[in-house]
Amino acid sequence: MIFGTLIAFYSYLTAVQIIGGQKSSLLASVEPLSATVLAVLWLNVSFTTIDWIGSVFIISTVFLLSRKTDKKKEAG
């Protein structure tokens, strides 16, 4: 368990160095959705309405956070 955690954390830190903190955080926020998809496809777990709603919230949050805003347009 310790080594699995260390490997995952080291991989995340390496990703932060390579692609930056903002992109790494956005990709990390999609992890619950990818875990759900794998559980449904691989483990045959049922996917209920509340799961669909949560997935839509996750995806919409990632899109909202990844939008680039032009500070000059907002100020003027």
PDB file of N, CA and C in Angstrom:
ATOM      1  N   MET A   1       0.826  -1.195   0.000  1.00  0.00           N
ATOM      2  CA  MET A   1       0.000   0.000   0.000  1.00  0.00           C
ATOM      3  C   MET A   1       0.865   1.250   0.000  1.00  0.00           C
ATOM      4  N   ILE A   2       1.931   1.233   0.757  1.00  0.00           N
ATOM      5  CA  ILE A   2       2.809   2.408   0.810  1.00  0.00           C
ATOM      6  C   ILE A   2       3.464   2.651  -0.550  1.00  0.00           C
ATOM      7  N   PHE A   3       3.917   1.576  -1.194  1.00  0.00           N
ATOM      8  CA  PHE A   3       4.595   1.749  -2.472  1.00  0.00           C
ATOM      9  C   PHE A   3       3.629   2.210  -3.556  1.00  0.00           C
ATOM     10  N   GLY A   4       2.387   1.724  -3.523  1.00  0.00           N
ATOM     11  CA  GLY A   4       1.388   2.188  -4.483  1.00  0.00           C
ATOM     12  C   GLY A   4       1.103   3.668  -4.325  1.00  0.00           C
ATOM     13  N   THR A   5       1.061   4.128  -3.103  1.00  0.00           N
ATOM     14  CA  THR A   5       0.835   5.544  -2.844  1.00  0.00           C
ATOM     15  C   THR A   5       2.040   6.366  -3.269  1.00  0.00           C
ATOM     16  N   LEU A   6       3.224   5.884  -2.978  1.00  0.00           N
ATOM     17  CA  LEU A   6       4.435   6.606  -3.366  1.00  0.00           C
ATOM     18  C   LEU A   6       4.579   6.701  -4.871  1.00  0.00           C
ATOM     19  N   ILE A   7       4.286   5.623  -5.569  1.00  0.00           N
ATOM     20  CA  ILE A   7       4.394   5.634  -7.028  1.00  0.00           C
ATOM     21  C   ILE A   7       3.385   6.616  -7.626  1.00  0.00           C
ATOM     22  N   ALA A   8       2.163   6.603  -7.141  1.00  0.00           N
ATOM     23  CA  ALA A   8       1.140   7.522  -7.650  1.00  0.00           C
ATOM     24  C   ALA A   8       1.515   8.976  -7.359  1.00  0.00           C
ATOM     25  N   PHE A   9       1.999   9.247  -6.162  1.00  0.00           N
ATOM     26  CA  PHE A   9       2.376  10.621  -5.804  1.00  0.00           C
ATOM     27  C   PHE A   9       3.586  11.082  -6.608  1.00  0.00           C
ATOM     28  N   TYR A  10       4.560  10.204  -6.783  1.00  0.00           N
ATOM     29  CA  TYR A  10       5.738  10.552  -7.583  1.00  0.00           C
ATOM     30  C   TYR A  10       5.339  10.810  -9.035  1.00  0.00           C
ATOM     31  N   SER A  11       4.425  10.009  -9.555  1.00  0.00           N
ATOM     32  CA  SER A  11       3.953  10.208 -10.925  1.00  0.00           C
ATOM     33  C   SER A  11       3.234  11.551 -11.058  1.00  0.00           C
ATOM     34  N   TYR A  12       2.440  11.905 -10.070  1.00  0.00           N
ATOM     35  CA  TYR A  12       1.739  13.194 -10.098  1.00  0.00           C
ATOM     36  C   TYR A  12       2.740  14.353 -10.063  1.00  0.00           C
ATOM     37  N   LEU A  13       3.743  14.267  -9.203  1.00  0.00           N
ATOM     38  CA  LEU A  13       4.735  15.329  -9.131  1.00  0.00           C
ATOM     39  C   LEU A  13       5.534  15.446 -10.427  1.00  0.00           C
ATOM     40  N   THR A  14       5.818  14.330 -11.047  1.00  0.00           N
ATOM     41  CA  THR A  14       6.511  14.353 -12.332  1.00  0.00           C
ATOM     42  C   THR A  14       5.642  15.019 -13.396  1.00  0.00           C
ATOM     43  N   ALA A  15       4.358  14.702 -13.390  1.00  0.00           N
ATOM     44  CA  ALA A  15       3.441  15.333 -14.333  1.00  0.00           C
ATOM     45  C   ALA A  15       3.362  16.836 -14.105  1.00  0.00           C
ATOM     46  N   VAL A  16       3.376  17.258 -12.859  1.00  0.00           N
ATOM     47  CA  VAL A  16       3.353  18.696 -12.553  1.00  0.00           C
ATOM     48  C   VAL A  16       4.586  19.377 -13.133  1.00  0.00           C
ATOM     49  N   GLN A  17       5.728  18.746 -13.025  1.00  0.00           N
ATOM     50  CA  GLN A  17       6.954  19.321 -13.578  1.00  0.00           C
ATOM     51  C   GLN A  17       6.906  19.386 -15.099  1.00  0.00           C
ATOM     52  N   ILE A  18       6.316  18.376 -15.723  1.00  0.00           N
ATOM     53  CA  ILE A  18       6.327  18.314 -17.186  1.00  0.00           C
ATOM     54  C   ILE A  18       5.264  19.221 -17.808  1.00  0.00           C
ATOM     55  N   ILE A  19       4.015  19.143 -17.337  1.00  0.00           N
ATOM     56  CA  ILE A  19       2.933  19.889 -17.988  1.00  0.00           C
ATOM     57  C   ILE A  19       2.398  21.052 -17.166  1.00  0.00           C
ATOM     58  N   GLY A  20       2.862  21.214 -15.947  1.00  0.00           N
ATOM     59  CA  GLY A  20       2.423  22.338 -15.127  1.00  0.00           C
ATOM     60  C   GLY A  20       1.325  21.954 -14.148  1.00  0.00           C
ATOM     61  N   GLY A  21       1.185  22.765 -13.148  1.00  0.00           N
ATOM     62  CA  GLY A  21       0.240  22.494 -12.070  1.00  0.00           C
ATOM     63  C   GLY A  21      -1.216  22.584 -12.469  1.00  0.00           C
ATOM     64  N   GLN A  22      -1.567  23.562 -13.299  1.00  0.00           N
ATOM     65  CA  GLN A  22      -2.965  23.755 -13.658  1.00  0.00           C
ATOM     66  C   GLN A  22      -3.487  22.579 -14.485  1.00  0.00           C
ATOM     67  N   LYS A  23      -2.728  22.176 -15.493  1.00  0.00           N
ATOM     68  CA  LYS A  23      -3.171  21.056 -16.325  1.00  0.00           C
ATOM     69  C   LYS A  23      -3.175  19.755 -15.526  1.00  0.00           C
ATOM     70  N   SER A  24      -2.212  19.571 -14.645  1.00  0.00           N
ATOM     71  CA  SER A  24      -2.176  18.361 -13.823  1.00  0.00           C
ATOM     72  C   SER A  24      -3.385  18.291 -12.906  1.00  0.00           C
ATOM     73  N   SER A  25      -3.764  19.405 -12.336  1.00  0.00           N
ATOM     74  CA  SER A  25      -4.936  19.437 -11.456  1.00  0.00           C
ATOM     75  C   SER A  25      -6.220  19.143 -12.218  1.00  0.00           C
ATOM     76  N   LEU A  26      -6.338  19.673 -13.425  1.00  0.00           N
ATOM     77  CA  LEU A  26      -7.522  19.408 -14.231  1.00  0.00           C
ATOM     78  C   LEU A  26      -7.610  17.926 -14.597  1.00  0.00           C
ATOM     79  N   LEU A  27      -6.481  17.344 -14.966  1.00  0.00           N
ATOM     80  CA  LEU A  27      -6.477  15.918 -15.295  1.00  0.00           C
ATOM     81  C   LEU A  27      -6.769  15.069 -14.064  1.00  0.00           C
ATOM     82  N   ALA A  28      -6.267  15.486 -12.911  1.00  0.00           N
ATOM     83  CA  ALA A  28      -6.515  14.734 -11.679  1.00  0.00           C
ATOM     84  C   ALA A  28      -7.983  14.808 -11.264  1.00  0.00           C
ATOM     85  N   SER A  29      -8.650  15.892 -11.623  1.00  0.00           N
ATOM     86  CA  SER A  29     -10.060  16.015 -11.249  1.00  0.00           C
ATOM     87  C   SER A  29     -10.960  15.075 -12.054  1.00  0.00           C
ATOM     88  N   VAL A  30     -10.465  14.544 -13.157  1.00  0.00           N
ATOM     89  CA  VAL A  30     -11.233  13.617 -13.974  1.00  0.00           C
ATOM     90  C   VAL A  30     -11.068  12.180 -13.482  1.00  0.00           C
ATOM     91  N   GLU A  31     -10.178  11.940 -12.538  1.00  0.00           N
ATOM     92  CA  GLU A  31      -9.899  10.594 -12.038  1.00  0.00           C
ATOM     93  C   GLU A  31     -11.133   9.880 -11.500  1.00  0.00           C
ATOM     94  N   PRO A  32     -12.014  10.519 -10.732  1.00  0.00           N
ATOM     95  CA  PRO A  32     -13.207   9.801 -10.273  1.00  0.00           C
ATOM     96  C   PRO A  32     -14.097   9.327 -11.423  1.00  0.00           C
ATOM     97  N   LEU A  33     -14.170  10.122 -12.475  1.00  0.00           N
ATOM     98  CA  LEU A  33     -14.969   9.740 -13.634  1.00  0.00           C
ATOM     99  C   LEU A  33     -14.357   8.546 -14.355  1.00  0.00           C
ATOM    100  N   SER A  34     -13.049   8.556 -14.526  1.00  0.00           N
ATOM    101  CA  SER A  34     -12.400   7.427 -15.200  1.00  0.00           C
ATOM    102  C   SER A  34     -12.502   6.159 -14.358  1.00  0.00           C
ATOM    103  N   ALA A  35     -12.430   6.281 -13.043  1.00  0.00           N
ATOM    104  CA  ALA A  35     -12.600   5.116 -12.170  1.00  0.00           C
ATOM    105  C   ALA A  35     -14.015   4.550 -12.287  1.00  0.00           C
ATOM    106  N   THR A  36     -14.997   5.421 -12.429  1.00  0.00           N
ATOM    107  CA  THR A  36     -16.381   4.981 -12.587  1.00  0.00           C
ATOM    108  C   THR A  36     -16.579   4.250 -13.909  1.00  0.00           C
ATOM    109  N   VAL A  37     -16.027   4.802 -14.974  1.00  0.00           N
ATOM    110  CA  VAL A  37     -16.152   4.163 -16.285  1.00  0.00           C
ATOM    111  C   VAL A  37     -15.501   2.785 -16.276  1.00  0.00           C
ATOM    112  N   LEU A  38     -14.316   2.690 -15.684  1.00  0.00           N
ATOM    113  CA  LEU A  38     -13.650   1.392 -15.597  1.00  0.00           C
ATOM    114  C   LEU A  38     -14.453   0.397 -14.760  1.00  0.00           C
ATOM    115  N   ALA A  39     -15.054   0.858 -13.682  1.00  0.00           N
ATOM    116  CA  ALA A  39     -15.858  -0.029 -12.842  1.00  0.00           C
ATOM    117  C   ALA A  39     -17.075  -0.548 -13.601  1.00  0.00           C
ATOM    118  N   VAL A  40     -17.693   0.322 -14.395  1.00  0.00           N
ATOM    119  CA  VAL A  40     -18.870  -0.089 -15.161  1.00  0.00           C
ATOM    120  C   VAL A  40     -18.482  -1.078 -16.253  1.00  0.00           C
ATOM    121  N   LEU A  41     -17.423  -0.774 -16.994  1.00  0.00           N
ATOM    122  CA  LEU A  41     -17.046  -1.614 -18.121  1.00  0.00           C
ATOM    123  C   LEU A  41     -16.356  -2.905 -17.703  1.00  0.00           C
ATOM    124  N   TRP A  42     -15.507  -2.821 -16.706  1.00  0.00           N
ATOM    125  CA  TRP A  42     -14.682  -3.967 -16.359  1.00  0.00           C
ATOM    126  C   TRP A  42     -15.311  -4.839 -15.269  1.00  0.00           C
ATOM    127  N   LEU A  43     -15.930  -4.202 -14.283  1.00  0.00           N
ATOM    128  CA  LEU A  43     -16.479  -4.934 -13.142  1.00  0.00           C
ATOM    129  C   LEU A  43     -17.994  -5.105 -13.202  1.00  0.00           C
ATOM    130  N   ASN A  44     -18.608  -4.603 -14.259  1.00  0.00           N
ATOM    131  CA  ASN A  44     -20.067  -4.703 -14.448  1.00  0.00           C
ATOM    132  C   ASN A  44     -20.859  -4.092 -13.293  1.00  0.00           C
ATOM    133  N   VAL A  45     -20.406  -2.979 -12.784  1.00  0.00           N
ATOM    134  CA  VAL A  45     -21.124  -2.249 -11.733  1.00  0.00           C
ATOM    135  C   VAL A  45     -22.250  -1.465 -12.403  1.00  0.00           C
ATOM    136  N   SER A  46     -23.411  -1.419 -11.778  1.00  0.00           N
ATOM    137  CA  SER A  46     -24.533  -0.684 -12.375  1.00  0.00           C
ATOM    138  C   SER A  46     -24.295   0.824 -12.273  1.00  0.00           C
ATOM    139  N   PHE A  47     -24.756   1.541 -13.282  1.00  0.00           N
ATOM    140  CA  PHE A  47     -24.579   2.988 -13.382  1.00  0.00           C
ATOM    141  C   PHE A  47     -25.959   3.618 -13.270  1.00  0.00           C
ATOM    142  N   THR A  48     -26.235   4.284 -12.146  1.00  0.00           N
ATOM    143  CA  THR A  48     -27.568   4.812 -11.869  1.00  0.00           C
ATOM    144  C   THR A  48     -27.691   6.271 -12.313  1.00  0.00           C
ATOM    145  N   THR A  49     -28.869   6.804 -12.139  1.00  0.00           N
ATOM    146  CA  THR A  49     -29.131   8.194 -12.526  1.00  0.00           C
ATOM    147  C   THR A  49     -28.240   9.166 -11.767  1.00  0.00           C
ATOM    148  N   ILE A  50     -28.062   8.944 -10.485  1.00  0.00           N
ATOM    149  CA  ILE A  50     -27.221   9.849  -9.691  1.00  0.00           C
ATOM    150  C   ILE A  50     -25.767   9.796 -10.157  1.00  0.00           C
ATOM    151  N   ASP A  51     -25.344   8.653 -10.658  1.00  0.00           N
ATOM    152  CA  ASP A  51     -24.000   8.537 -11.226  1.00  0.00           C
ATOM    153  C   ASP A  51     -23.870   9.380 -12.494  1.00  0.00           C
ATOM    154  N   TRP A  52     -24.898   9.359 -13.333  1.00  0.00           N
ATOM    155  CA  TRP A  52     -24.888  10.193 -14.535  1.00  0.00           C
ATOM    156  C   TRP A  52     -24.845  11.681 -14.169  1.00  0.00           C
ATOM    157  N   ILE A  53     -25.616  12.063 -13.179  1.00  0.00           N
ATOM    158  CA  ILE A  53     -25.638  13.466 -12.753  1.00  0.00           C
ATOM    159  C   ILE A  53     -24.264  13.879 -12.219  1.00  0.00           C
ATOM    160  N   GLY A  54     -23.659  13.041 -11.403  1.00  0.00           N
ATOM    161  CA  GLY A  54     -22.322  13.335 -10.892  1.00  0.00           C
ATOM    162  C   GLY A  54     -21.293  13.433 -11.991  1.00  0.00           C
ATOM    163  N   SER A  55     -21.388  12.580 -12.993  1.00  0.00           N
ATOM    164  CA  SER A  55     -20.458  12.619 -14.126  1.00  0.00           C
ATOM    165  C   SER A  55     -20.592  13.925 -14.898  1.00  0.00           C
ATOM    166  N   VAL A  56     -21.817  14.356 -15.105  1.00  0.00           N
ATOM    167  CA  VAL A  56     -22.044  15.628 -15.803  1.00  0.00           C
ATOM    168  C   VAL A  56     -21.457  16.785 -14.993  1.00  0.00           C
ATOM    169  N   PHE A  57     -21.608  16.757 -13.670  1.00  0.00           N
ATOM    170  CA  PHE A  57     -21.031  17.805 -12.828  1.00  0.00           C
ATOM    171  C   PHE A  57     -19.501  17.817 -12.925  1.00  0.00           C
ATOM    172  N   ILE A  58     -18.896  16.655 -12.910  1.00  0.00           N
ATOM    173  CA  ILE A  58     -17.432  16.579 -12.994  1.00  0.00           C
ATOM    174  C   ILE A  58     -16.950  17.135 -14.324  1.00  0.00           C
ATOM    175  N   ILE A  59     -17.569  16.697 -15.410  1.00  0.00           N
ATOM    176  CA  ILE A  59     -17.143  17.154 -16.728  1.00  0.00           C
ATOM    177  C   ILE A  59     -17.368  18.654 -16.890  1.00  0.00           C
ATOM    178  N   SER A  60     -18.508  19.147 -16.441  1.00  0.00           N
ATOM    179  CA  SER A  60     -18.771  20.582 -16.571  1.00  0.00           C
ATOM    180  C   SER A  60     -17.814  21.407 -15.722  1.00  0.00           C
ATOM    181  N   THR A  61     -17.444  20.916 -14.548  1.00  0.00           N
ATOM    182  CA  THR A  61     -16.478  21.634 -13.714  1.00  0.00           C
ATOM    183  C   THR A  61     -15.122  21.700 -14.387  1.00  0.00           C
ATOM    184  N   VAL A  62     -14.693  20.613 -14.987  1.00  0.00           N
ATOM    185  CA  VAL A  62     -13.407  20.612 -15.694  1.00  0.00           C
ATOM    186  C   VAL A  62     -13.436  21.606 -16.842  1.00  0.00           C
ATOM    187  N   PHE A  63     -14.540  21.647 -17.607  1.00  0.00           N
ATOM    188  CA  PHE A  63     -14.632  22.609 -18.701  1.00  0.00           C
ATOM    189  C   PHE A  63     -14.653  24.048 -18.192  1.00  0.00           C
ATOM    190  N   LEU A  64     -15.365  24.294 -17.108  1.00  0.00           N
ATOM    191  CA  LEU A  64     -15.406  25.650 -16.560  1.00  0.00           C
ATOM    192  C   LEU A  64     -14.037  26.100 -16.058  1.00  0.00           C
ATOM    193  N   LEU A  65     -13.321  25.203 -15.409  1.00  0.00           N
ATOM    194  CA  LEU A  65     -12.006  25.563 -14.884  1.00  0.00           C
ATOM    195  C   LEU A  65     -10.956  25.699 -15.976  1.00  0.00           C
ATOM    196  N   SER A  66     -11.148  25.024 -17.090  1.00  0.00           N
ATOM    197  CA  SER A  66     -10.140  25.066 -18.140  1.00  0.00           C
ATOM    198  C   SER A  66     -10.339  26.225 -19.110  1.00  0.00           C
ATOM    199  N   ARG A  67     -11.470  26.912 -18.993  1.00  0.00           N
ATOM    200  CA  ARG A  67     -11.694  28.060 -19.874  1.00  0.00           C
ATOM    201  C   ARG A  67     -10.685  29.153 -19.584  1.00  0.00           C
ATOM    202  N   LYS A  68     -10.155  29.730 -20.626  1.00  0.00           N
ATOM    203  CA  LYS A  68      -9.226  30.841 -20.457  1.00  0.00           C
ATOM    204  C   LYS A  68     -10.009  32.137 -20.557  1.00  0.00           C
ATOM    205  N   THR A  69      -9.749  33.013 -19.618  1.00  0.00           N
ATOM    206  CA  THR A  69     -10.426  34.307 -19.647  1.00  0.00           C
ATOM    207  C   THR A  69      -9.406  35.387 -19.963  1.00  0.00           C
ATOM    208  N   ASP A  70      -9.850  36.380 -20.666  1.00  0.00           N
ATOM    209  CA  ASP A  70      -8.991  37.498 -20.998  1.00  0.00           C
ATOM    210  C   ASP A  70      -9.224  38.599 -19.982  1.00  0.00           C
ATOM    211  N   LYS A  71      -8.238  38.809 -19.120  1.00  0.00           N
ATOM    212  CA  LYS A  71      -8.373  39.780 -18.016  1.00  0.00           C
ATOM    213  C   LYS A  71      -8.605  41.198 -18.544  1.00  0.00           C
ATOM    214  N   LYS A  72      -8.021  41.533 -19.684  1.00  0.00           N
ATOM    215  CA  LYS A  72      -8.189  42.886 -20.221  1.00  0.00           C
ATOM    216  C   LYS A  72      -9.623  43.125 -20.658  1.00  0.00           C
ATOM    217  N   LYS A  73     -10.273  42.133 -21.251  1.00  0.00           N
ATOM    218  CA  LYS A  73     -11.655  42.297 -21.685  1.00  0.00           C
ATOM    219  C   LYS A  73     -12.586  42.443 -20.496  1.00  0.00           C
ATOM    220  N   GLU A  74     -12.306  41.708 -19.405  1.00  0.00           N
ATOM    221  CA  GLU A  74     -13.144  41.780 -18.222  1.00  0.00           C
ATOM    222  C   GLU A  74     -13.002  43.137 -17.539  1.00  0.00           C
ATOM    223  N   ALA A  75     -11.804  43.700 -17.530  1.00  0.00           N
ATOM    224  CA  ALA A  75     -11.566  44.971 -16.841  1.00  0.00           C
ATOM    225  C   ALA A  75     -12.113  46.148 -17.627  1.00  0.00           C
ATOM    226  N   GLY A  76     -12.108  46.055 -18.938  1.00  0.00           N
ATOM    227  CA  GLY A  76     -12.465  47.223 -19.736  1.00  0.00           C
ATOM    228  C   GLY A  76     -13.782  47.093 -20.336  1.00  0.00           C
TER     229      GLY A  76
END
